[in-house]
PDB file of N, CA and C in Angstrom:
ATOM      1  N   UNK A   1     -18.359  52.482 -77.889  1.00  0.00           N
ATOM      2  CA  UNK A   1     -19.491  52.532 -76.985  1.00  0.00           C
ATOM      3  C   UNK A   1     -20.033  51.115 -76.785  1.00  0.00           C
ATOM      4  N   UNK A   2     -20.404  50.823 -75.573  1.00  0.00           N
ATOM      5  CA  UNK A   2     -20.873  49.487 -75.234  1.00  0.00           C
ATOM      6  C   UNK A   2     -22.298  49.238 -75.738  1.00  0.00           C
ATOM      7  N   UNK A   3     -22.517  48.044 -76.274  1.00  0.00           N
ATOM      8  CA  UNK A   3     -23.846  47.678 -76.760  1.00  0.00           C
ATOM      9  C   UNK A   3     -24.630  46.996 -75.644  1.00  0.00           C
ATOM     10  N   UNK A   4     -25.914  47.321 -75.595  1.00  0.00           N
ATOM     11  CA  UNK A   4     -26.796  46.678 -74.632  1.00  0.00           C
ATOM     12  C   UNK A   4     -27.975  46.053 -75.375  1.00  0.00           C
ATOM     13  N   UNK A   5     -28.613  45.095 -74.730  1.00  0.00           N
ATOM     14  CA  UNK A   5     -29.777  44.437 -75.322  1.00  0.00           C
ATOM     15  C   UNK A   5     -31.032  45.209 -74.923  1.00  0.00           C
ATOM     16  N   UNK A   6     -31.833  45.533 -75.923  1.00  0.00           N
ATOM     17  CA  UNK A   6     -33.078  46.254 -75.693  1.00  0.00           C
ATOM     18  C   UNK A   6     -34.201  45.451 -76.327  1.00  0.00           C
ATOM     19  N   UNK A   7     -35.238  45.184 -75.554  1.00  0.00           N
ATOM     20  CA  UNK A   7     -36.382  44.415 -76.023  1.00  0.00           C
ATOM     21  C   UNK A   7     -37.472  45.372 -76.491  1.00  0.00           C
ATOM     22  N   UNK A   8     -37.970  45.140 -77.717  1.00  0.00           N
ATOM     23  CA  UNK A   8     -39.036  45.984 -78.269  1.00  0.00           C
ATOM     24  C   UNK A   8     -40.126  45.103 -78.852  1.00  0.00           C
ATOM     25  N   UNK A   9     -41.327  45.668 -78.955  1.00  0.00           N
ATOM     26  CA  UNK A   9     -42.474  44.983 -79.546  1.00  0.00           C
ATOM     27  C   UNK A   9     -42.800  45.654 -80.876  1.00  0.00           C
ATOM     28  N   UNK A  10     -42.816  44.875 -81.940  1.00  0.00           N
ATOM     29  CA  UNK A  10     -43.205  45.380 -83.253  1.00  0.00           C
ATOM     30  C   UNK A  10     -44.175  44.382 -83.858  1.00  0.00           C
ATOM     31  N   UNK A  11     -45.372  44.853 -84.124  1.00  0.00           N
ATOM     32  CA  UNK A  11     -46.434  44.052 -84.733  1.00  0.00           C
ATOM     33  C   UNK A  11     -46.620  42.713 -84.013  1.00  0.00           C
ATOM     34  N   UNK A  12     -46.811  42.824 -82.691  1.00  0.00           N
ATOM     35  CA  UNK A  12     -47.086  41.677 -81.817  1.00  0.00           C
ATOM     36  C   UNK A  12     -45.955  40.655 -81.759  1.00  0.00           C
ATOM     37  N   UNK A  13     -44.751  41.097 -82.046  1.00  0.00           N
ATOM     38  CA  UNK A  13     -43.579  40.219 -82.005  1.00  0.00           C
ATOM     39  C   UNK A  13     -42.508  40.925 -81.173  1.00  0.00           C
ATOM     40  N   UNK A  14     -41.825  40.164 -80.322  1.00  0.00           N
ATOM     41  CA  UNK A  14     -40.761  40.732 -79.495  1.00  0.00           C
ATOM     42  C   UNK A  14     -39.421  40.555 -80.190  1.00  0.00           C
ATOM     43  N   UNK A  15     -38.658  41.635 -80.223  1.00  0.00           N
ATOM     44  CA  UNK A  15     -37.316  41.614 -80.813  1.00  0.00           C
ATOM     45  C   UNK A  15     -36.333  42.118 -79.770  1.00  0.00           C
ATOM     46  N   UNK A  16     -35.222  41.430 -79.628  1.00  0.00           N
ATOM     47  CA  UNK A  16     -34.157  41.867 -78.734  1.00  0.00           C
ATOM     48  C   UNK A  16     -33.045  42.409 -79.625  1.00  0.00           C
ATOM     49  N   UNK A  17     -32.787  43.706 -79.468  1.00  0.00           N
ATOM     50  CA  UNK A  17     -31.803  44.387 -80.308  1.00  0.00           C
ATOM     51  C   UNK A  17     -30.564  44.712 -79.481  1.00  0.00           C
ATOM     52  N   UNK A  18     -29.402  44.402 -80.020  1.00  0.00           N
ATOM     53  CA  UNK A  18     -28.146  44.788 -79.366  1.00  0.00           C
ATOM     54  C   UNK A  18     -27.647  46.046 -80.062  1.00  0.00           C
ATOM     55  N   UNK A  19     -27.585  47.133 -79.293  1.00  0.00           N
ATOM     56  CA  UNK A  19     -27.245  48.415 -79.883  1.00  0.00           C
ATOM     57  C   UNK A  19     -26.575  49.325 -78.863  1.00  0.00           C
ATOM     58  N   UNK A  20     -25.848  50.284 -79.382  1.00  0.00           N
ATOM     59  CA  UNK A  20     -25.251  51.300 -78.508  1.00  0.00           C
ATOM     60  C   UNK A  20     -26.109  52.570 -78.480  1.00  0.00           C
ATOM     61  N   UNK A  21     -27.211  52.566 -79.223  1.00  0.00           N
ATOM     62  CA  UNK A  21     -28.123  53.715 -79.237  1.00  0.00           C
ATOM     63  C   UNK A  21     -28.857  53.795 -77.897  1.00  0.00           C
ATOM     64  N   UNK A  22     -29.261  55.002 -77.505  1.00  0.00           N
ATOM     65  CA  UNK A  22     -30.001  55.151 -76.245  1.00  0.00           C
ATOM     66  C   UNK A  22     -31.315  54.362 -76.275  1.00  0.00           C
ATOM     67  N   UNK A  23     -31.645  53.729 -75.162  1.00  0.00           N
ATOM     68  CA  UNK A  23     -32.837  52.889 -75.080  1.00  0.00           C
ATOM     69  C   UNK A  23     -34.097  53.665 -75.442  1.00  0.00           C
ATOM     70  N   UNK A  24     -34.216  54.891 -74.973  1.00  0.00           N
ATOM     71  CA  UNK A  24     -35.431  55.669 -75.259  1.00  0.00           C
ATOM     72  C   UNK A  24     -35.599  55.891 -76.754  1.00  0.00           C
ATOM     73  N   UNK A  25     -34.505  56.123 -77.451  1.00  0.00           N
ATOM     74  CA  UNK A  25     -34.569  56.339 -78.894  1.00  0.00           C
ATOM     75  C   UNK A  25     -34.956  55.053 -79.617  1.00  0.00           C
ATOM     76  N   UNK A  26     -34.376  53.937 -79.218  1.00  0.00           N
ATOM     77  CA  UNK A  26     -34.677  52.644 -79.846  1.00  0.00           C
ATOM     78  C   UNK A  26     -36.146  52.293 -79.646  1.00  0.00           C
ATOM     79  N   UNK A  27     -36.647  52.482 -78.440  1.00  0.00           N
ATOM     80  CA  UNK A  27     -38.054  52.177 -78.147  1.00  0.00           C
ATOM     81  C   UNK A  27     -38.965  53.099 -78.952  1.00  0.00           C
ATOM     82  N   UNK A  28     -38.609  54.366 -79.036  1.00  0.00           N
ATOM     83  CA  UNK A  28     -39.415  55.323 -79.806  1.00  0.00           C
ATOM     84  C   UNK A  28     -39.467  54.929 -81.284  1.00  0.00           C
ATOM     85  N   UNK A  29     -38.349  54.546 -81.854  1.00  0.00           N
ATOM     86  CA  UNK A  29     -38.299  54.133 -83.261  1.00  0.00           C
ATOM     87  C   UNK A  29     -39.110  52.851 -83.464  1.00  0.00           C
ATOM     88  N   UNK A  30     -38.962  51.900 -82.556  1.00  0.00           N
ATOM     89  CA  UNK A  30     -39.724  50.647 -82.660  1.00  0.00           C
ATOM     90  C   UNK A  30     -41.225  50.917 -82.588  1.00  0.00           C
ATOM     91  N   UNK A  31     -41.638  51.831 -81.723  1.00  0.00           N
ATOM     92  CA  UNK A  31     -43.056  52.189 -81.629  1.00  0.00           C
ATOM     93  C   UNK A  31     -43.543  52.821 -82.932  1.00  0.00           C
ATOM     94  N   UNK A  32     -42.702  53.630 -83.539  1.00  0.00           N
ATOM     95  CA  UNK A  32     -43.056  54.260 -84.808  1.00  0.00           C
ATOM     96  C   UNK A  32     -43.236  53.212 -85.902  1.00  0.00           C
ATOM     97  N   UNK A  33     -42.331  52.244 -85.956  1.00  0.00           N
ATOM     98  CA  UNK A  33     -42.435  51.164 -86.941  1.00  0.00           C
ATOM     99  C   UNK A  33     -43.687  50.335 -86.673  1.00  0.00           C
ATOM    100  N   UNK A  34     -43.954  50.032 -85.411  1.00  0.00           N
ATOM    101  CA  UNK A  34     -45.141  49.266 -85.056  1.00  0.00           C
ATOM    102  C   UNK A  34     -46.410  50.001 -85.485  1.00  0.00           C
ATOM    103  N   UNK A  35     -46.489  51.293 -85.203  1.00  0.00           N
ATOM    104  CA  UNK A  35     -47.657  52.077 -85.593  1.00  0.00           C
ATOM    105  C   UNK A  35     -47.832  52.098 -87.107  1.00  0.00           C
ATOM    106  N   UNK A  36     -46.736  52.226 -87.823  1.00  0.00           N
ATOM    107  CA  UNK A  36     -46.802  52.249 -89.284  1.00  0.00           C
ATOM    108  C   UNK A  36     -47.292  50.900 -89.808  1.00  0.00           C
ATOM    109  N   UNK A  37     -46.776  49.818 -89.249  1.00  0.00           N
ATOM    110  CA  UNK A  37     -47.208  48.483 -89.684  1.00  0.00           C
ATOM    111  C   UNK A  37     -48.687  48.271 -89.384  1.00  0.00           C
ATOM    112  N   UNK A  38     -49.131  48.691 -88.220  1.00  0.00           N
ATOM    113  CA  UNK A  38     -50.545  48.544 -87.857  1.00  0.00           C
ATOM    114  C   UNK A  38     -51.422  49.334 -88.832  1.00  0.00           C
ATOM    115  N   UNK A  39     -51.019  50.567 -89.143  1.00  0.00           N
ATOM    116  CA  UNK A  39     -51.788  51.414 -90.057  1.00  0.00           C
ATOM    117  C   UNK A  39     -51.828  50.815 -91.455  1.00  0.00           C
ATOM    118  N   UNK A  40     -50.677  50.395 -91.965  1.00  0.00           N
ATOM    119  CA  UNK A  40     -50.628  49.820 -93.305  1.00  0.00           C
ATOM    120  C   UNK A  40     -51.394  48.504 -93.389  1.00  0.00           C
ATOM    121  N   UNK A  41     -51.339  47.707 -92.343  1.00  0.00           N
ATOM    122  CA  UNK A  41     -52.093  46.447 -92.331  1.00  0.00           C
ATOM    123  C   UNK A  41     -53.582  46.727 -92.493  1.00  0.00           C
ATOM    124  N   UNK A  42     -54.056  47.762 -91.809  1.00  0.00           N
ATOM    125  CA  UNK A  42     -55.474  48.115 -91.898  1.00  0.00           C
ATOM    126  C   UNK A  42     -55.811  48.729 -93.253  1.00  0.00           C
ATOM    127  N   UNK A  43     -54.957  49.642 -93.721  1.00  0.00           N
ATOM    128  CA  UNK A  43     -55.211  50.324 -94.999  1.00  0.00           C
ATOM    129  C   UNK A  43     -55.132  49.385 -96.194  1.00  0.00           C
ATOM    130  N   UNK A  44     -54.113  48.565 -96.224  1.00  0.00           N
ATOM    131  CA  UNK A  44     -53.849  47.704 -97.386  1.00  0.00           C
ATOM    132  C   UNK A  44     -54.495  46.335 -97.265  1.00  0.00           C
ATOM    133  N   UNK A  45     -55.076  46.063 -96.104  1.00  0.00           N
ATOM    134  CA  UNK A  45     -55.692  44.755 -95.854  1.00  0.00           C
ATOM    135  C   UNK A  45     -54.677  43.622 -96.032  1.00  0.00           C
ATOM    136  N   UNK A  46     -53.453  43.871 -95.577  1.00  0.00           N
ATOM    137  CA  UNK A  46     -52.374  42.883 -95.686  1.00  0.00           C
ATOM    138  C   UNK A  46     -52.303  42.100 -94.376  1.00  0.00           C
ATOM    139  N   UNK A  47     -52.322  40.792 -94.463  1.00  0.00           N
ATOM    140  CA  UNK A  47     -52.218  39.956 -93.265  1.00  0.00           C
ATOM    141  C   UNK A  47     -50.886  39.209 -93.210  1.00  0.00           C
ATOM    142  N   UNK A  48     -50.235  39.045 -94.349  1.00  0.00           N
ATOM    143  CA  UNK A  48     -48.946  38.356 -94.403  1.00  0.00           C
ATOM    144  C   UNK A  48     -47.866  39.266 -93.811  1.00  0.00           C
ATOM    145  N   UNK A  49     -47.214  38.802 -92.738  1.00  0.00           N
ATOM    146  CA  UNK A  49     -46.215  39.599 -92.021  1.00  0.00           C
ATOM    147  C   UNK A  49     -45.052  40.026 -92.930  1.00  0.00           C
ATOM    148  N   UNK A  50     -44.598  39.119 -93.781  1.00  0.00           N
ATOM    149  CA  UNK A  50     -43.466  39.432 -94.663  1.00  0.00           C
ATOM    150  C   UNK A  50     -43.845  40.530 -95.654  1.00  0.00           C
ATOM    151  N   UNK A  51     -45.013  40.412 -96.275  1.00  0.00           N
ATOM    152  CA  UNK A  51     -45.461  41.445 -97.217  1.00  0.00           C
ATOM    153  C   UNK A  51     -45.682  42.769 -96.506  1.00  0.00           C
ATOM    154  N   UNK A  52     -46.208  42.703 -95.302  1.00  0.00           N
ATOM    155  CA  UNK A  52     -46.424  43.917 -94.529  1.00  0.00           C
ATOM    156  C   UNK A  52     -45.098  44.589 -94.185  1.00  0.00           C
ATOM    157  N   UNK A  53     -44.094  43.802 -93.871  1.00  0.00           N
ATOM    158  CA  UNK A  53     -42.768  44.349 -93.575  1.00  0.00           C
ATOM    159  C   UNK A  53     -42.199  45.058 -94.811  1.00  0.00           C
ATOM    160  N   UNK A  54     -42.409  44.470 -95.991  1.00  0.00           N
ATOM    161  CA  UNK A  54     -41.928  45.096 -97.227  1.00  0.00           C
ATOM    162  C   UNK A  54     -42.696  46.389 -97.493  1.00  0.00           C
ATOM    163  N   UNK A  55     -44.032  46.379 -97.325  1.00  0.00           N
ATOM    164  CA  UNK A  55     -44.825  47.601 -97.501  1.00  0.00           C
ATOM    165  C   UNK A  55     -44.326  48.694 -96.559  1.00  0.00           C
ATOM    166  N   UNK A  56     -44.048  48.310 -95.317  1.00  0.00           N
ATOM    167  CA  UNK A  56     -43.580  49.273 -94.327  1.00  0.00           C
ATOM    168  C   UNK A  56     -42.215  49.830 -94.718  1.00  0.00           C
ATOM    169  N   UNK A  57     -41.325  48.964 -95.164  1.00  0.00           N
ATOM    170  CA  UNK A  57     -40.004  49.424 -95.605  1.00  0.00           C
ATOM    171  C   UNK A  57     -40.123  50.381 -96.782  1.00  0.00           C
ATOM    172  N   UNK A  58     -40.982  50.053 -97.743  1.00  0.00           N
ATOM    173  CA  UNK A  58     -41.187  50.933 -98.896  1.00  0.00           C
ATOM    174  C   UNK A  58     -41.795  52.266 -98.479  1.00  0.00           C
ATOM    175  N   UNK A  59     -42.740  52.230 -97.558  1.00  0.00           N
ATOM    176  CA  UNK A  59     -43.377  53.451 -97.069  1.00  0.00           C
ATOM    177  C   UNK A  59     -42.359  54.349 -96.371  1.00  0.00           C
ATOM    178  N   UNK A  60     -41.527  53.754 -95.526  1.00  0.00           N
ATOM    179  CA  UNK A  60     -40.492  54.516 -94.830  1.00  0.00           C
ATOM    180  C   UNK A  60     -39.433  55.039 -95.805  1.00  0.00           C
ATOM    181  N   UNK A  61     -39.071  54.226 -96.797  1.00  0.00           N
ATOM    182  CA  UNK A  61     -38.084  54.656 -97.792  1.00  0.00           C
ATOM    183  C   UNK A  61     -38.614  55.826 -98.620  1.00  0.00           C
ATOM    184  N   UNK A  62     -39.894  55.783 -98.967  1.00  0.00           N
ATOM    185  CA  UNK A  62     -40.499  56.887 -99.722  1.00  0.00           C
ATOM    186  C   UNK A  62     -40.485  58.169 -98.895  1.00  0.00           C
ATOM    187  N   UNK A  63     -40.795  58.056 -97.614  1.00  0.00           N
ATOM    188  CA  UNK A  63     -40.761  59.228 -96.732  1.00  0.00           C
ATOM    189  C   UNK A  63     -39.341  59.773 -96.613  1.00  0.00           C
ATOM    190  N   UNK A  64     -38.378  58.888 -96.445  1.00  0.00           N
ATOM    191  CA  UNK A  64     -36.981  59.293 -96.357  1.00  0.00           C
ATOM    192  C   UNK A  64     -36.534  59.989 -97.638  1.00  0.00           C
ATOM    193  N   UNK A  65     -36.919  59.437 -98.782  1.00  0.00           N
ATOM    194  CA  UNK A  65     -36.556  60.016-100.072  1.00  0.00           C
ATOM    195  C   UNK A  65     -37.130  61.423-100.213  1.00  0.00           C
ATOM    196  N   UNK A  66     -38.384  61.591 -99.834  1.00  0.00           N
ATOM    197  CA  UNK A  66     -39.031  62.902 -99.907  1.00  0.00           C
ATOM    198  C   UNK A  66     -38.331  63.908 -98.987  1.00  0.00           C
ATOM    199  N   UNK A  67     -38.007  63.476 -97.780  1.00  0.00           N
ATOM    200  CA  UNK A  67     -37.302  64.362 -96.848  1.00  0.00           C
ATOM    201  C   UNK A  67     -35.912  64.722 -97.363  1.00  0.00           C
ATOM    202  N   UNK A  68     -35.226  63.764 -97.984  1.00  0.00           N
ATOM    203  CA  UNK A  68     -33.900  64.031 -98.537  1.00  0.00           C
ATOM    204  C   UNK A  68     -33.979  65.063 -99.659  1.00  0.00           C
ATOM    205  N   UNK A  69     -34.990  64.934-100.514  1.00  0.00           N
ATOM    206  CA  UNK A  69     -35.178  65.912-101.589  1.00  0.00           C
ATOM    207  C   UNK A  69     -35.442  67.304-101.032  1.00  0.00           C
ATOM    208  N   UNK A  70     -36.290  67.394-100.009  1.00  0.00           N
ATOM    209  CA  UNK A  70     -36.589  68.682 -99.389  1.00  0.00           C
ATOM    210  C   UNK A  70     -35.342  69.276 -98.749  1.00  0.00           C
ATOM    211  N   UNK A  71     -34.564  68.439 -98.077  1.00  0.00           N
ATOM    212  CA  UNK A  71     -33.323  68.880 -97.452  1.00  0.00           C
ATOM    213  C   UNK A  71     -32.350  69.414 -98.502  1.00  0.00           C
ATOM    214  N   UNK A  72     -32.199  68.672 -99.593  1.00  0.00           N
ATOM    215  CA  UNK A  72     -31.285  69.096-100.660  1.00  0.00           C
ATOM    216  C   UNK A  72     -31.698  70.438-101.244  1.00  0.00           C
ATOM    217  N   UNK A  73     -33.007  70.666-101.437  1.00  0.00           N
ATOM    218  CA  UNK A  73     -33.497  71.940-101.963  1.00  0.00           C
ATOM    219  C   UNK A  73     -33.235  73.074-100.984  1.00  0.00           C
ATOM    220  N   UNK A  74     -33.482  72.825 -99.710  1.00  0.00           N
ATOM    221  CA  UNK A  74     -33.222  73.848 -98.695  1.00  0.00           C
ATOM    222  C   UNK A  74     -31.731  74.163 -98.602  1.00  0.00           C
ATOM    223  N   UNK A  75     -30.908  73.155 -98.656  1.00  0.00           N
ATOM    224  CA  UNK A  75     -29.459  73.347 -98.598  1.00  0.00           C
ATOM    225  C   UNK A  75     -28.973  74.144 -99.804  1.00  0.00           C
ATOM    226  N   UNK A  76     -29.495  73.836-100.978  1.00  0.00           N
ATOM    227  CA  UNK A  76     -29.131  74.586-102.189  1.00  0.00           C
ATOM    228  C   UNK A  76     -29.561  76.044-102.074  1.00  0.00           C
ATOM    229  N   UNK A  77     -30.740  76.281-101.508  1.00  0.00           N
ATOM    230  CA  UNK A  77     -31.227  77.661-101.345  1.00  0.00           C
ATOM    231  C   UNK A  77     -30.345  78.430-100.369  1.00  0.00           C
ATOM    232  N   UNK A  78     -29.907  77.787 -99.308  1.00  0.00           N
ATOM    233  CA  UNK A  78     -29.031  78.443 -98.332  1.00  0.00           C
ATOM    234  C   UNK A  78     -27.682  78.755 -98.956  1.00  0.00           C
ATOM    235  N   UNK A  79     -27.161  77.859 -99.751  1.00  0.00           N
ATOM    236  CA  UNK A  79     -25.845  78.058-100.385  1.00  0.00           C
ATOM    237  C   UNK A  79     -25.884  79.175-101.440  1.00  0.00           C
ATOM    238  N   UNK A  80     -27.061  79.421-102.024  1.00  0.00           N
ATOM    239  CA  UNK A  80     -27.182  80.476-103.017  1.00  0.00           C
ATOM    240  C   UNK A  80     -27.135  81.861-102.401  1.00  0.00           C
ATOM    241  N   UNK A  81     -27.378  81.966-101.126  1.00  0.00           N
ATOM    242  CA  UNK A  81     -27.388  83.266-100.443  1.00  0.00           C
ATOM    243  C   UNK A  81     -26.036  83.860-100.343  1.00  0.00           C
TER     244      UNK A  81
END
């Protein structure tokens, strides 16, 4: 699949991403990351962009981990049937 350049705004910074993912999906994900960074910056009172990026990555990783655990439990319950 051909890659295209997509421009997104995350935490007042423009990033040009080369991807084969649909533009609407990339923009939606970038908006989600931007919203999370804005929220965490306000909650944690973090002004350093690098630290904020790490907080955001940890926050997203924790959410992913929780969802993976829930998925695994649901999958195990379905397999027991």
